[in-house]
Amino acid sequence: MNILSAEFFKYAIAIITLIIQIVAVRSGWVFPKDKIFTSRKNISEFAAALYKNSNDPELQRIAYEYGIAALTKDKNLTMAQRKILLKCKNPVSDIDNYSKCQHLISVNDEKRIFKWKKWGYRWLYRKAVEVFSLVFYFIGGFLTALPFLYEGLASPAVIDRINHLSRLQKLSMASYLFACGICLALICLHKVSTIAIAEKTIKANR
């Protein structure tokens, strides 16, 4: 088992490093929201530069609106909603939080800036997602630990079958379970944390 663990960690580190490098090259190591901000900021600055040369009021308006859109980092709000969003009690954190959970909440009005997008999100949906996410989070943790604990959990017949596998087969099976467990746990944590951020953002602006 010690040999299997050493081999597993040796190959796992190499595989994880490769995945990180591929993701970094693919995305330029820039998060999507940062890409949105940078793109709109560049357009705003470009339109502002054109306005200085032409004095065209339309270019000034475009520069202003793209600048506001860059600040809010949203994808589909109207200009009126973006101005409401800028009136948050704590715009630095609230706008960042909104960008993380805008599939759950929407911009409402100046008195109550945020609201749940759907009625079910107010309680039933959130509680159901939280319960299922926690259940599957622990399942993911169990899958992650299983390659190291199977000898104490599996029946003698199963252990005997595993012991007859080649080292490569054991490594492949352990890597698969470890990867599935990590992915499942991270997805569930993301769902729970997103709901928590949405709840916090709504309450902070009531």
N, C-alpha and C. Protein backbone atom coordinates (compact mmCIF):
# COMPACT_ATOMS: atom_id res chain seq x y z
N MET A 1 0.83 -1.21 0.00
CA MET A 1 0.00 0.00 0.00
C MET A 1 0.86 1.26 0.00
N ASN A 2 2.02 1.20 0.74
CA ASN A 2 2.92 2.35 0.76
C ASN A 2 3.51 2.61 -0.60
N ILE A 3 3.83 1.53 -1.32
CA ILE A 3 4.37 1.68 -2.69
C ILE A 3 3.33 2.30 -3.59
N LEU A 4 2.07 1.83 -3.45
CA LEU A 4 0.98 2.37 -4.27
C LEU A 4 0.78 3.86 -3.99
N SER A 5 0.83 4.25 -2.71
CA SER A 5 0.65 5.66 -2.35
C SER A 5 1.77 6.52 -2.92
N ALA A 6 3.00 6.03 -2.84
CA ALA A 6 4.13 6.79 -3.37
C ALA A 6 4.01 6.97 -4.87
N GLU A 7 3.64 5.89 -5.56
CA GLU A 7 3.47 5.97 -7.02
C GLU A 7 2.32 6.90 -7.37
N PHE A 8 1.24 6.81 -6.60
CA PHE A 8 0.08 7.65 -6.87
C PHE A 8 0.43 9.13 -6.77
N PHE A 9 1.09 9.51 -5.69
CA PHE A 9 1.43 10.92 -5.51
C PHE A 9 2.44 11.39 -6.55
N LYS A 10 3.34 10.54 -6.94
CA LYS A 10 4.33 10.92 -7.95
C LYS A 10 3.66 11.26 -9.27
N TYR A 11 2.75 10.39 -9.71
CA TYR A 11 2.06 10.63 -10.97
C TYR A 11 0.99 11.71 -10.84
N ALA A 12 0.34 11.78 -9.68
CA ALA A 12 -0.71 12.80 -9.49
C ALA A 12 -0.13 14.20 -9.58
N ILE A 13 1.03 14.43 -8.97
CA ILE A 13 1.66 15.76 -9.02
C ILE A 13 2.00 16.14 -10.45
N ALA A 14 2.51 15.18 -11.22
CA ALA A 14 2.85 15.45 -12.61
C ALA A 14 1.62 15.78 -13.44
N ILE A 15 0.53 15.02 -13.20
CA ILE A 15 -0.71 15.25 -13.95
C ILE A 15 -1.33 16.60 -13.59
N ILE A 16 -1.37 16.91 -12.28
CA ILE A 16 -1.95 18.19 -11.85
C ILE A 16 -1.16 19.37 -12.41
N THR A 17 0.16 19.26 -12.38
CA THR A 17 1.00 20.32 -12.94
C THR A 17 0.72 20.54 -14.42
N LEU A 18 0.55 19.45 -15.16
CA LEU A 18 0.24 19.54 -16.58
C LEU A 18 -1.11 20.21 -16.80
N ILE A 19 -2.11 19.84 -16.01
CA ILE A 19 -3.44 20.43 -16.15
C ILE A 19 -3.39 21.93 -15.88
N ILE A 20 -2.68 22.34 -14.83
CA ILE A 20 -2.55 23.75 -14.50
C ILE A 20 -1.91 24.52 -15.65
N GLN A 21 -0.88 23.94 -16.25
CA GLN A 21 -0.20 24.60 -17.36
C GLN A 21 -1.13 24.75 -18.56
N ILE A 22 -1.92 23.71 -18.85
CA ILE A 22 -2.85 23.76 -19.98
C ILE A 22 -3.91 24.84 -19.75
N VAL A 23 -4.46 24.88 -18.53
CA VAL A 23 -5.48 25.89 -18.21
C VAL A 23 -4.90 27.29 -18.31
N ALA A 24 -3.67 27.45 -17.81
CA ALA A 24 -3.03 28.76 -17.84
C ALA A 24 -2.81 29.24 -19.27
N VAL A 25 -2.37 28.34 -20.13
CA VAL A 25 -2.16 28.71 -21.53
C VAL A 25 -3.48 29.00 -22.22
N ARG A 26 -4.51 28.20 -21.92
CA ARG A 26 -5.81 28.34 -22.58
C ARG A 26 -6.49 29.66 -22.22
N SER A 27 -6.42 30.04 -20.97
CA SER A 27 -7.16 31.22 -20.51
C SER A 27 -6.29 32.43 -20.29
N GLY A 28 -4.99 32.27 -20.42
CA GLY A 28 -4.10 33.37 -20.12
C GLY A 28 -4.07 33.69 -18.63
N TRP A 29 -4.54 32.72 -17.83
CA TRP A 29 -4.58 32.85 -16.37
C TRP A 29 -5.33 34.11 -15.95
N VAL A 30 -6.38 34.45 -16.69
CA VAL A 30 -7.23 35.60 -16.37
C VAL A 30 -8.64 35.08 -16.18
N PHE A 31 -9.27 35.43 -15.08
CA PHE A 31 -10.61 34.98 -14.81
C PHE A 31 -11.61 35.66 -15.76
N PRO A 32 -12.73 35.00 -16.07
CA PRO A 32 -13.70 35.57 -17.02
C PRO A 32 -14.16 36.97 -16.66
N LYS A 33 -14.42 37.23 -15.37
CA LYS A 33 -14.88 38.56 -14.98
C LYS A 33 -13.80 39.61 -15.23
N ASP A 34 -12.55 39.23 -15.03
CA ASP A 34 -11.46 40.16 -15.31
C ASP A 34 -11.34 40.43 -16.80
N LYS A 35 -11.63 39.41 -17.60
CA LYS A 35 -11.62 39.60 -19.05
C LYS A 35 -12.70 40.59 -19.47
N ILE A 36 -13.88 40.45 -18.87
CA ILE A 36 -14.98 41.37 -19.18
C ILE A 36 -14.59 42.79 -18.82
N PHE A 37 -14.02 42.96 -17.62
CA PHE A 37 -13.60 44.29 -17.18
C PHE A 37 -12.56 44.88 -18.13
N THR A 38 -11.54 44.09 -18.46
CA THR A 38 -10.45 44.59 -19.31
C THR A 38 -10.96 44.97 -20.70
N SER A 39 -11.83 44.13 -21.27
CA SER A 39 -12.36 44.40 -22.60
C SER A 39 -13.16 45.70 -22.62
N ARG A 40 -14.06 45.86 -21.65
CA ARG A 40 -14.89 47.07 -21.63
C ARG A 40 -14.07 48.31 -21.27
N LYS A 41 -13.10 48.16 -20.41
CA LYS A 41 -12.23 49.28 -20.06
C LYS A 41 -11.47 49.77 -21.29
N ASN A 42 -10.96 48.82 -22.09
CA ASN A 42 -10.22 49.20 -23.30
C ASN A 42 -11.12 49.93 -24.30
N ILE A 43 -12.37 49.45 -24.44
CA ILE A 43 -13.31 50.10 -25.36
C ILE A 43 -13.64 51.50 -24.85
N SER A 44 -13.85 51.62 -23.53
CA SER A 44 -14.16 52.93 -22.95
C SER A 44 -13.02 53.92 -23.19
N GLU A 45 -11.79 53.48 -22.96
CA GLU A 45 -10.63 54.36 -23.16
C GLU A 45 -10.46 54.71 -24.63
N PHE A 46 -10.72 53.75 -25.51
CA PHE A 46 -10.59 54.00 -26.95
C PHE A 46 -11.65 55.01 -27.41
N ALA A 47 -12.89 54.84 -26.93
CA ALA A 47 -13.96 55.78 -27.29
C ALA A 47 -13.66 57.17 -26.74
N ALA A 48 -13.10 57.24 -25.52
CA ALA A 48 -12.75 58.52 -24.94
C ALA A 48 -11.66 59.23 -25.75
N ALA A 49 -10.70 58.45 -26.24
CA ALA A 49 -9.64 59.02 -27.07
C ALA A 49 -10.20 59.55 -28.39
N LEU A 50 -11.14 58.81 -28.97
CA LEU A 50 -11.78 59.27 -30.21
C LEU A 50 -12.59 60.55 -29.97
N TYR A 51 -13.25 60.61 -28.79
CA TYR A 51 -14.04 61.80 -28.48
C TYR A 51 -13.16 63.05 -28.40
N LYS A 52 -11.98 62.91 -27.85
CA LYS A 52 -11.06 64.05 -27.74
C LYS A 52 -10.68 64.60 -29.12
N ASN A 53 -10.63 63.68 -30.10
CA ASN A 53 -10.23 64.10 -31.45
C ASN A 53 -11.40 64.60 -32.28
N SER A 54 -12.62 64.17 -31.94
CA SER A 54 -13.77 64.49 -32.78
C SER A 54 -14.83 65.34 -32.09
N ASN A 55 -14.84 65.34 -30.75
CA ASN A 55 -15.88 66.02 -29.97
C ASN A 55 -17.29 65.52 -30.29
N ASP A 56 -17.36 64.28 -30.73
CA ASP A 56 -18.65 63.66 -31.02
C ASP A 56 -19.31 63.23 -29.69
N PRO A 57 -20.47 63.79 -29.34
CA PRO A 57 -21.10 63.45 -28.05
C PRO A 57 -21.49 61.97 -27.94
N GLU A 58 -21.72 61.31 -29.08
CA GLU A 58 -22.05 59.89 -29.05
C GLU A 58 -20.87 59.06 -28.54
N LEU A 59 -19.67 59.47 -28.94
CA LEU A 59 -18.47 58.78 -28.47
C LEU A 59 -18.27 58.99 -26.97
N GLN A 60 -18.60 60.18 -26.50
CA GLN A 60 -18.51 60.45 -25.06
C GLN A 60 -19.49 59.57 -24.29
N ARG A 61 -20.70 59.43 -24.83
CA ARG A 61 -21.71 58.58 -24.18
C ARG A 61 -21.26 57.11 -24.17
N ILE A 62 -20.70 56.65 -25.29
CA ILE A 62 -20.23 55.26 -25.36
C ILE A 62 -19.10 55.02 -24.37
N ALA A 63 -18.17 55.99 -24.28
CA ALA A 63 -17.07 55.85 -23.34
C ALA A 63 -17.59 55.76 -21.91
N TYR A 64 -18.58 56.58 -21.59
CA TYR A 64 -19.16 56.58 -20.24
C TYR A 64 -19.88 55.26 -19.95
N GLU A 65 -20.69 54.80 -20.88
CA GLU A 65 -21.48 53.59 -20.65
C GLU A 65 -20.59 52.35 -20.57
N TYR A 66 -19.56 52.29 -21.42
CA TYR A 66 -18.65 51.14 -21.33
C TYR A 66 -17.84 51.19 -20.04
N GLY A 67 -17.53 52.40 -19.55
CA GLY A 67 -16.83 52.53 -18.28
C GLY A 67 -17.68 52.00 -17.13
N ILE A 68 -18.98 52.34 -17.13
CA ILE A 68 -19.90 51.84 -16.11
C ILE A 68 -20.04 50.32 -16.22
N ALA A 69 -20.14 49.83 -17.45
CA ALA A 69 -20.28 48.39 -17.67
C ALA A 69 -19.03 47.64 -17.21
N ALA A 70 -17.86 48.27 -17.35
CA ALA A 70 -16.62 47.65 -16.88
C ALA A 70 -16.63 47.54 -15.35
N LEU A 71 -17.12 48.57 -14.69
CA LEU A 71 -17.15 48.57 -13.22
C LEU A 71 -18.07 47.49 -12.67
N THR A 72 -19.23 47.32 -13.29
CA THR A 72 -20.22 46.37 -12.77
C THR A 72 -19.92 44.92 -13.17
N LYS A 73 -19.16 44.71 -14.23
CA LYS A 73 -18.72 43.37 -14.67
C LYS A 73 -19.88 42.41 -14.94
N ASP A 74 -21.05 42.96 -15.28
CA ASP A 74 -22.20 42.11 -15.58
C ASP A 74 -22.25 41.82 -17.08
N LYS A 75 -23.19 40.96 -17.48
CA LYS A 75 -23.31 40.60 -18.89
C LYS A 75 -24.56 41.16 -19.55
N ASN A 76 -25.62 41.39 -18.77
CA ASN A 76 -26.88 41.73 -19.44
C ASN A 76 -27.74 42.74 -18.69
N LEU A 77 -27.15 43.58 -17.86
CA LEU A 77 -27.95 44.60 -17.18
C LEU A 77 -28.17 45.80 -18.09
N THR A 78 -29.28 46.50 -17.84
CA THR A 78 -29.52 47.76 -18.54
C THR A 78 -28.67 48.85 -17.88
N MET A 79 -28.57 49.99 -18.54
CA MET A 79 -27.80 51.09 -17.98
C MET A 79 -28.42 51.56 -16.66
N ALA A 80 -29.74 51.57 -16.58
CA ALA A 80 -30.42 51.97 -15.35
C ALA A 80 -30.08 51.02 -14.21
N GLN A 81 -30.06 49.72 -14.50
CA GLN A 81 -29.72 48.74 -13.47
C GLN A 81 -28.26 48.88 -13.02
N ARG A 82 -27.38 49.19 -13.97
CA ARG A 82 -25.97 49.37 -13.61
C ARG A 82 -25.79 50.57 -12.68
N LYS A 83 -26.53 51.63 -12.92
CA LYS A 83 -26.44 52.80 -12.04
C LYS A 83 -26.98 52.48 -10.65
N ILE A 84 -28.04 51.66 -10.60
CA ILE A 84 -28.55 51.22 -9.30
C ILE A 84 -27.50 50.37 -8.58
N LEU A 85 -26.84 49.51 -9.34
CA LEU A 85 -25.82 48.63 -8.76
C LEU A 85 -24.67 49.43 -8.15
N LEU A 86 -24.35 50.55 -8.76
CA LEU A 86 -23.28 51.40 -8.23
C LEU A 86 -23.66 52.08 -6.91
N LYS A 87 -24.97 52.05 -6.56
CA LYS A 87 -25.43 52.68 -5.33
C LYS A 87 -25.49 51.72 -4.16
N CYS A 88 -24.85 50.56 -4.30
CA CYS A 88 -24.79 49.61 -3.19
C CYS A 88 -24.16 50.25 -1.97
N LYS A 89 -24.47 49.71 -0.80
CA LYS A 89 -23.91 50.25 0.44
C LYS A 89 -22.38 50.09 0.47
N ASN A 90 -21.92 48.96 -0.07
CA ASN A 90 -20.48 48.72 -0.14
C ASN A 90 -20.16 48.27 -1.55
N PRO A 91 -20.04 49.21 -2.51
CA PRO A 91 -19.94 48.83 -3.92
C PRO A 91 -18.75 47.94 -4.25
N VAL A 92 -17.64 48.09 -3.54
CA VAL A 92 -16.46 47.27 -3.86
C VAL A 92 -16.76 45.79 -3.68
N SER A 93 -17.26 45.41 -2.51
CA SER A 93 -17.54 43.99 -2.25
C SER A 93 -18.86 43.53 -2.86
N ASP A 94 -19.88 44.41 -2.84
CA ASP A 94 -21.20 44.00 -3.34
C ASP A 94 -21.21 43.74 -4.84
N ILE A 95 -20.48 44.56 -5.59
CA ILE A 95 -20.42 44.34 -7.05
C ILE A 95 -19.66 43.06 -7.36
N ASP A 96 -18.57 42.82 -6.62
CA ASP A 96 -17.83 41.56 -6.82
C ASP A 96 -18.70 40.36 -6.46
N ASN A 97 -19.44 40.47 -5.35
CA ASN A 97 -20.32 39.38 -4.94
C ASN A 97 -21.44 39.15 -5.95
N TYR A 98 -22.01 40.24 -6.46
CA TYR A 98 -23.08 40.12 -7.44
C TYR A 98 -22.58 39.40 -8.71
N SER A 99 -21.35 39.72 -9.12
CA SER A 99 -20.80 39.09 -10.33
C SER A 99 -20.63 37.58 -10.15
N LYS A 100 -20.49 37.13 -8.90
CA LYS A 100 -20.31 35.70 -8.63
C LYS A 100 -21.63 34.94 -8.59
N CYS A 101 -22.73 35.65 -8.30
CA CYS A 101 -24.00 34.93 -8.11
C CYS A 101 -25.15 35.56 -8.89
N GLN A 102 -24.86 36.23 -10.01
CA GLN A 102 -25.92 36.92 -10.73
C GLN A 102 -26.89 35.96 -11.42
N HIS A 103 -26.57 34.65 -11.45
CA HIS A 103 -27.56 33.69 -11.97
C HIS A 103 -28.64 33.40 -10.92
N LEU A 104 -28.40 33.83 -9.67
CA LEU A 104 -29.38 33.62 -8.61
C LEU A 104 -30.15 34.88 -8.24
N ILE A 105 -29.50 36.05 -8.33
CA ILE A 105 -30.15 37.29 -7.91
C ILE A 105 -30.15 38.30 -9.06
N SER A 106 -31.03 39.28 -8.96
CA SER A 106 -31.11 40.31 -9.98
C SER A 106 -31.17 41.68 -9.31
N VAL A 107 -30.90 42.73 -10.10
CA VAL A 107 -30.96 44.09 -9.60
C VAL A 107 -32.41 44.53 -9.64
N ASN A 108 -32.93 45.00 -8.50
CA ASN A 108 -34.35 45.30 -8.36
C ASN A 108 -34.64 46.80 -8.47
N ASP A 109 -34.41 47.55 -7.41
CA ASP A 109 -34.62 49.00 -7.44
C ASP A 109 -33.71 49.64 -6.39
N GLU A 110 -33.80 50.94 -6.27
CA GLU A 110 -32.88 51.66 -5.39
C GLU A 110 -33.16 51.40 -3.91
N LYS A 111 -34.39 51.09 -3.54
CA LYS A 111 -34.72 50.83 -2.14
C LYS A 111 -34.28 49.44 -1.72
N ARG A 112 -34.50 48.48 -2.59
CA ARG A 112 -34.07 47.11 -2.31
C ARG A 112 -33.30 46.64 -3.54
N ILE A 113 -32.01 46.86 -3.52
CA ILE A 113 -31.20 46.74 -4.74
C ILE A 113 -31.24 45.33 -5.33
N PHE A 114 -31.19 44.31 -4.48
CA PHE A 114 -31.14 42.93 -5.00
C PHE A 114 -32.37 42.14 -4.58
N LYS A 115 -32.76 41.19 -5.43
CA LYS A 115 -33.82 40.25 -5.08
C LYS A 115 -33.51 38.91 -5.76
N TRP A 116 -34.14 37.85 -5.26
CA TRP A 116 -33.96 36.53 -5.87
C TRP A 116 -34.62 36.52 -7.25
N LYS A 117 -33.96 35.89 -8.21
CA LYS A 117 -34.50 35.88 -9.58
C LYS A 117 -35.80 35.10 -9.67
N LYS A 118 -35.90 34.01 -8.92
CA LYS A 118 -37.10 33.19 -8.95
C LYS A 118 -37.65 33.05 -7.55
N TRP A 119 -38.97 32.90 -7.45
CA TRP A 119 -39.61 32.80 -6.15
C TRP A 119 -39.06 31.62 -5.35
N GLY A 120 -38.82 30.50 -6.03
CA GLY A 120 -38.33 29.30 -5.35
C GLY A 120 -36.96 29.48 -4.72
N TYR A 121 -36.18 30.41 -5.24
CA TYR A 121 -34.85 30.66 -4.69
C TYR A 121 -34.93 31.20 -3.26
N ARG A 122 -36.06 31.77 -2.88
CA ARG A 122 -36.16 32.42 -1.57
C ARG A 122 -35.96 31.44 -0.43
N TRP A 123 -36.40 30.21 -0.61
CA TRP A 123 -36.21 29.26 0.48
C TRP A 123 -36.06 27.83 -0.02
N LEU A 124 -37.08 27.33 -0.73
CA LEU A 124 -37.12 25.92 -1.10
C LEU A 124 -35.91 25.50 -1.92
N TYR A 125 -35.63 26.25 -2.98
CA TYR A 125 -34.51 25.90 -3.85
C TYR A 125 -33.19 25.92 -3.09
N ARG A 126 -32.99 26.98 -2.32
CA ARG A 126 -31.71 27.13 -1.61
C ARG A 126 -31.49 26.00 -0.61
N LYS A 127 -32.52 25.68 0.16
CA LYS A 127 -32.36 24.63 1.16
C LYS A 127 -32.14 23.28 0.51
N ALA A 128 -32.84 23.01 -0.58
CA ALA A 128 -32.67 21.74 -1.28
C ALA A 128 -31.25 21.62 -1.84
N VAL A 129 -30.78 22.69 -2.48
CA VAL A 129 -29.43 22.67 -3.03
C VAL A 129 -28.38 22.52 -1.93
N GLU A 130 -28.56 23.22 -0.82
CA GLU A 130 -27.61 23.13 0.28
C GLU A 130 -27.54 21.71 0.84
N VAL A 131 -28.72 21.08 1.04
CA VAL A 131 -28.75 19.72 1.59
C VAL A 131 -28.09 18.73 0.63
N PHE A 132 -28.49 18.77 -0.64
CA PHE A 132 -27.92 17.84 -1.61
C PHE A 132 -26.43 18.10 -1.80
N SER A 133 -26.02 19.36 -1.80
CA SER A 133 -24.61 19.69 -1.98
C SER A 133 -23.77 19.17 -0.83
N LEU A 134 -24.28 19.29 0.38
CA LEU A 134 -23.53 18.79 1.54
C LEU A 134 -23.42 17.27 1.50
N VAL A 135 -24.52 16.61 1.11
CA VAL A 135 -24.49 15.14 1.01
C VAL A 135 -23.44 14.70 -0.01
N PHE A 136 -23.48 15.32 -1.20
CA PHE A 136 -22.54 14.93 -2.25
C PHE A 136 -21.12 15.41 -1.96
N TYR A 137 -20.99 16.46 -1.14
CA TYR A 137 -19.66 16.89 -0.72
C TYR A 137 -18.99 15.80 0.11
N PHE A 138 -19.73 15.21 1.03
CA PHE A 138 -19.17 14.14 1.85
C PHE A 138 -18.94 12.87 1.02
N ILE A 139 -19.80 12.66 0.02
CA ILE A 139 -19.55 11.53 -0.88
C ILE A 139 -18.25 11.75 -1.64
N GLY A 140 -18.04 13.00 -2.10
CA GLY A 140 -16.79 13.33 -2.79
C GLY A 140 -15.58 13.13 -1.89
N GLY A 141 -15.72 13.54 -0.61
CA GLY A 141 -14.62 13.32 0.33
C GLY A 141 -14.35 11.85 0.56
N PHE A 142 -15.40 11.04 0.59
CA PHE A 142 -15.24 9.60 0.76
C PHE A 142 -14.53 8.99 -0.45
N LEU A 143 -14.92 9.41 -1.65
CA LEU A 143 -14.27 8.89 -2.86
C LEU A 143 -12.79 9.27 -2.90
N THR A 144 -12.48 10.49 -2.44
CA THR A 144 -11.10 10.95 -2.42
C THR A 144 -10.25 10.11 -1.47
N ALA A 145 -10.82 9.74 -0.33
CA ALA A 145 -10.08 8.98 0.67
C ALA A 145 -10.10 7.47 0.40
N LEU A 146 -11.01 7.01 -0.43
CA LEU A 146 -11.19 5.57 -0.64
C LEU A 146 -9.92 4.84 -1.07
N PRO A 147 -9.10 5.39 -2.00
CA PRO A 147 -7.88 4.65 -2.39
C PRO A 147 -6.94 4.37 -1.23
N PHE A 148 -7.04 5.14 -0.15
CA PHE A 148 -6.14 4.95 0.99
C PHE A 148 -6.79 4.17 2.13
N LEU A 149 -8.12 3.97 2.05
CA LEU A 149 -8.85 3.35 3.16
C LEU A 149 -9.55 2.05 2.77
N TYR A 150 -9.44 1.65 1.51
CA TYR A 150 -10.27 0.53 1.05
C TYR A 150 -9.99 -0.77 1.80
N GLU A 151 -8.77 -0.94 2.29
CA GLU A 151 -8.43 -2.19 2.97
C GLU A 151 -9.24 -2.37 4.26
N GLY A 152 -9.63 -1.27 4.88
CA GLY A 152 -10.41 -1.37 6.10
C GLY A 152 -11.90 -1.34 5.87
N LEU A 153 -12.33 -1.09 4.61
CA LEU A 153 -13.76 -0.95 4.33
C LEU A 153 -14.31 -2.07 3.44
N ALA A 154 -13.49 -2.54 2.51
CA ALA A 154 -13.96 -3.53 1.54
C ALA A 154 -13.94 -4.94 2.13
N SER A 155 -14.70 -5.82 1.51
CA SER A 155 -14.73 -7.21 1.94
C SER A 155 -13.44 -7.92 1.51
N PRO A 156 -13.10 -9.03 2.14
CA PRO A 156 -11.87 -9.75 1.76
C PRO A 156 -11.84 -10.14 0.28
N ALA A 157 -13.01 -10.48 -0.28
CA ALA A 157 -13.07 -10.86 -1.69
C ALA A 157 -12.68 -9.69 -2.59
N VAL A 158 -13.20 -8.49 -2.27
CA VAL A 158 -12.88 -7.30 -3.06
C VAL A 158 -11.41 -6.94 -2.92
N ILE A 159 -10.89 -7.01 -1.70
CA ILE A 159 -9.47 -6.71 -1.47
C ILE A 159 -8.59 -7.66 -2.24
N ASP A 160 -8.99 -8.93 -2.28
CA ASP A 160 -8.21 -9.94 -3.02
C ASP A 160 -8.20 -9.63 -4.51
N ARG A 161 -9.33 -9.20 -5.05
CA ARG A 161 -9.39 -8.85 -6.47
C ARG A 161 -8.51 -7.64 -6.77
N ILE A 162 -8.53 -6.66 -5.86
CA ILE A 162 -7.71 -5.47 -6.06
C ILE A 162 -6.23 -5.81 -6.00
N ASN A 163 -5.87 -6.70 -5.07
CA ASN A 163 -4.47 -7.08 -4.93
C ASN A 163 -3.94 -7.83 -6.13
N HIS A 164 -4.83 -8.42 -6.92
CA HIS A 164 -4.41 -9.14 -8.13
C HIS A 164 -4.28 -8.23 -9.34
N LEU A 165 -4.65 -6.95 -9.19
CA LEU A 165 -4.50 -6.00 -10.28
C LEU A 165 -3.04 -5.60 -10.42
N SER A 166 -2.68 -5.18 -11.62
CA SER A 166 -1.31 -4.68 -11.84
C SER A 166 -1.15 -3.32 -11.16
N ARG A 167 0.09 -2.89 -11.00
CA ARG A 167 0.34 -1.59 -10.36
C ARG A 167 -0.27 -0.46 -11.17
N LEU A 168 -0.22 -0.56 -12.49
CA LEU A 168 -0.80 0.48 -13.34
C LEU A 168 -2.31 0.52 -13.19
N GLN A 169 -2.94 -0.63 -13.11
CA GLN A 169 -4.39 -0.69 -12.93
C GLN A 169 -4.80 -0.10 -11.59
N LYS A 170 -4.03 -0.42 -10.53
CA LYS A 170 -4.31 0.16 -9.21
C LYS A 170 -4.16 1.68 -9.24
N LEU A 171 -3.10 2.13 -9.88
CA LEU A 171 -2.85 3.57 -9.96
C LEU A 171 -3.97 4.28 -10.73
N SER A 172 -4.40 3.67 -11.84
CA SER A 172 -5.46 4.26 -12.66
C SER A 172 -6.77 4.34 -11.87
N MET A 173 -7.09 3.27 -11.16
CA MET A 173 -8.33 3.25 -10.38
C MET A 173 -8.27 4.28 -9.25
N ALA A 174 -7.12 4.35 -8.56
CA ALA A 174 -6.98 5.31 -7.47
C ALA A 174 -7.05 6.74 -7.99
N SER A 175 -6.40 7.00 -9.12
CA SER A 175 -6.41 8.34 -9.71
C SER A 175 -7.82 8.75 -10.11
N TYR A 176 -8.55 7.81 -10.69
CA TYR A 176 -9.92 8.09 -11.13
C TYR A 176 -10.81 8.44 -9.94
N LEU A 177 -10.74 7.63 -8.88
CA LEU A 177 -11.56 7.89 -7.69
C LEU A 177 -11.16 9.21 -7.03
N PHE A 178 -9.86 9.47 -6.95
CA PHE A 178 -9.37 10.70 -6.34
C PHE A 178 -9.85 11.91 -7.12
N ALA A 179 -9.73 11.86 -8.46
CA ALA A 179 -10.14 12.98 -9.30
C ALA A 179 -11.65 13.21 -9.22
N CYS A 180 -12.42 12.13 -9.27
CA CYS A 180 -13.89 12.25 -9.18
C CYS A 180 -14.30 12.85 -7.84
N GLY A 181 -13.66 12.38 -6.77
CA GLY A 181 -13.99 12.90 -5.45
C GLY A 181 -13.68 14.37 -5.30
N ILE A 182 -12.50 14.78 -5.76
CA ILE A 182 -12.11 16.18 -5.67
C ILE A 182 -13.06 17.06 -6.47
N CYS A 183 -13.36 16.66 -7.71
CA CYS A 183 -14.25 17.44 -8.57
C CYS A 183 -15.64 17.57 -7.96
N LEU A 184 -16.18 16.47 -7.47
CA LEU A 184 -17.51 16.48 -6.87
C LEU A 184 -17.55 17.38 -5.64
N ALA A 185 -16.53 17.28 -4.80
CA ALA A 185 -16.49 18.10 -3.58
C ALA A 185 -16.37 19.58 -3.92
N LEU A 186 -15.54 19.93 -4.90
CA LEU A 186 -15.36 21.33 -5.27
C LEU A 186 -16.63 21.92 -5.88
N ILE A 187 -17.30 21.14 -6.72
CA ILE A 187 -18.55 21.62 -7.32
C ILE A 187 -19.61 21.89 -6.25
N CYS A 188 -19.71 20.99 -5.29
CA CYS A 188 -20.69 21.16 -4.21
C CYS A 188 -20.34 22.36 -3.33
N LEU A 189 -19.07 22.52 -3.00
CA LEU A 189 -18.65 23.67 -2.21
C LEU A 189 -18.94 24.98 -2.94
N HIS A 190 -18.74 24.97 -4.26
CA HIS A 190 -19.00 26.17 -5.06
C HIS A 190 -20.48 26.54 -5.00
N LYS A 191 -21.35 25.54 -5.11
CA LYS A 191 -22.79 25.81 -5.07
C LYS A 191 -23.21 26.38 -3.72
N VAL A 192 -22.72 25.77 -2.65
CA VAL A 192 -23.09 26.25 -1.31
C VAL A 192 -22.55 27.65 -1.07
N SER A 193 -21.30 27.89 -1.45
CA SER A 193 -20.70 29.21 -1.23
C SER A 193 -21.38 30.29 -2.07
N THR A 194 -21.81 29.94 -3.29
CA THR A 194 -22.51 30.90 -4.14
C THR A 194 -23.84 31.33 -3.52
N ILE A 195 -24.58 30.36 -2.99
CA ILE A 195 -25.84 30.68 -2.32
C ILE A 195 -25.59 31.55 -1.09
N ALA A 196 -24.53 31.23 -0.34
CA ALA A 196 -24.21 32.02 0.85
C ALA A 196 -23.85 33.46 0.48
N ILE A 197 -23.11 33.64 -0.61
CA ILE A 197 -22.74 34.98 -1.09
C ILE A 197 -23.99 35.75 -1.51
N ALA A 198 -24.91 35.07 -2.21
CA ALA A 198 -26.16 35.72 -2.65
C ALA A 198 -26.99 36.17 -1.44
N GLU A 199 -27.12 35.31 -0.45
CA GLU A 199 -27.88 35.65 0.75
C GLU A 199 -27.26 36.88 1.45
N LYS A 200 -25.95 36.85 1.59
CA LYS A 200 -25.24 37.95 2.25
C LYS A 200 -25.42 39.27 1.49
N THR A 201 -25.35 39.22 0.16
CA THR A 201 -25.46 40.42 -0.65
C THR A 201 -26.85 41.03 -0.59
N ILE A 202 -27.88 40.18 -0.61
CA ILE A 202 -29.25 40.67 -0.50
C ILE A 202 -29.49 41.31 0.86
N LYS A 203 -29.09 40.63 1.93
CA LYS A 203 -29.32 41.14 3.28
C LYS A 203 -28.58 42.45 3.53
N ALA A 204 -27.37 42.57 2.96
CA ALA A 204 -26.55 43.77 3.20
C ALA A 204 -27.14 45.01 2.56
N ASN A 205 -28.04 44.86 1.60
CA ASN A 205 -28.56 46.02 0.87
C ASN A 205 -30.06 46.20 1.05
N ARG A 206 -30.60 45.65 2.10
CA ARG A 206 -32.02 45.85 2.38
C ARG A 206 -32.23 47.21 3.05
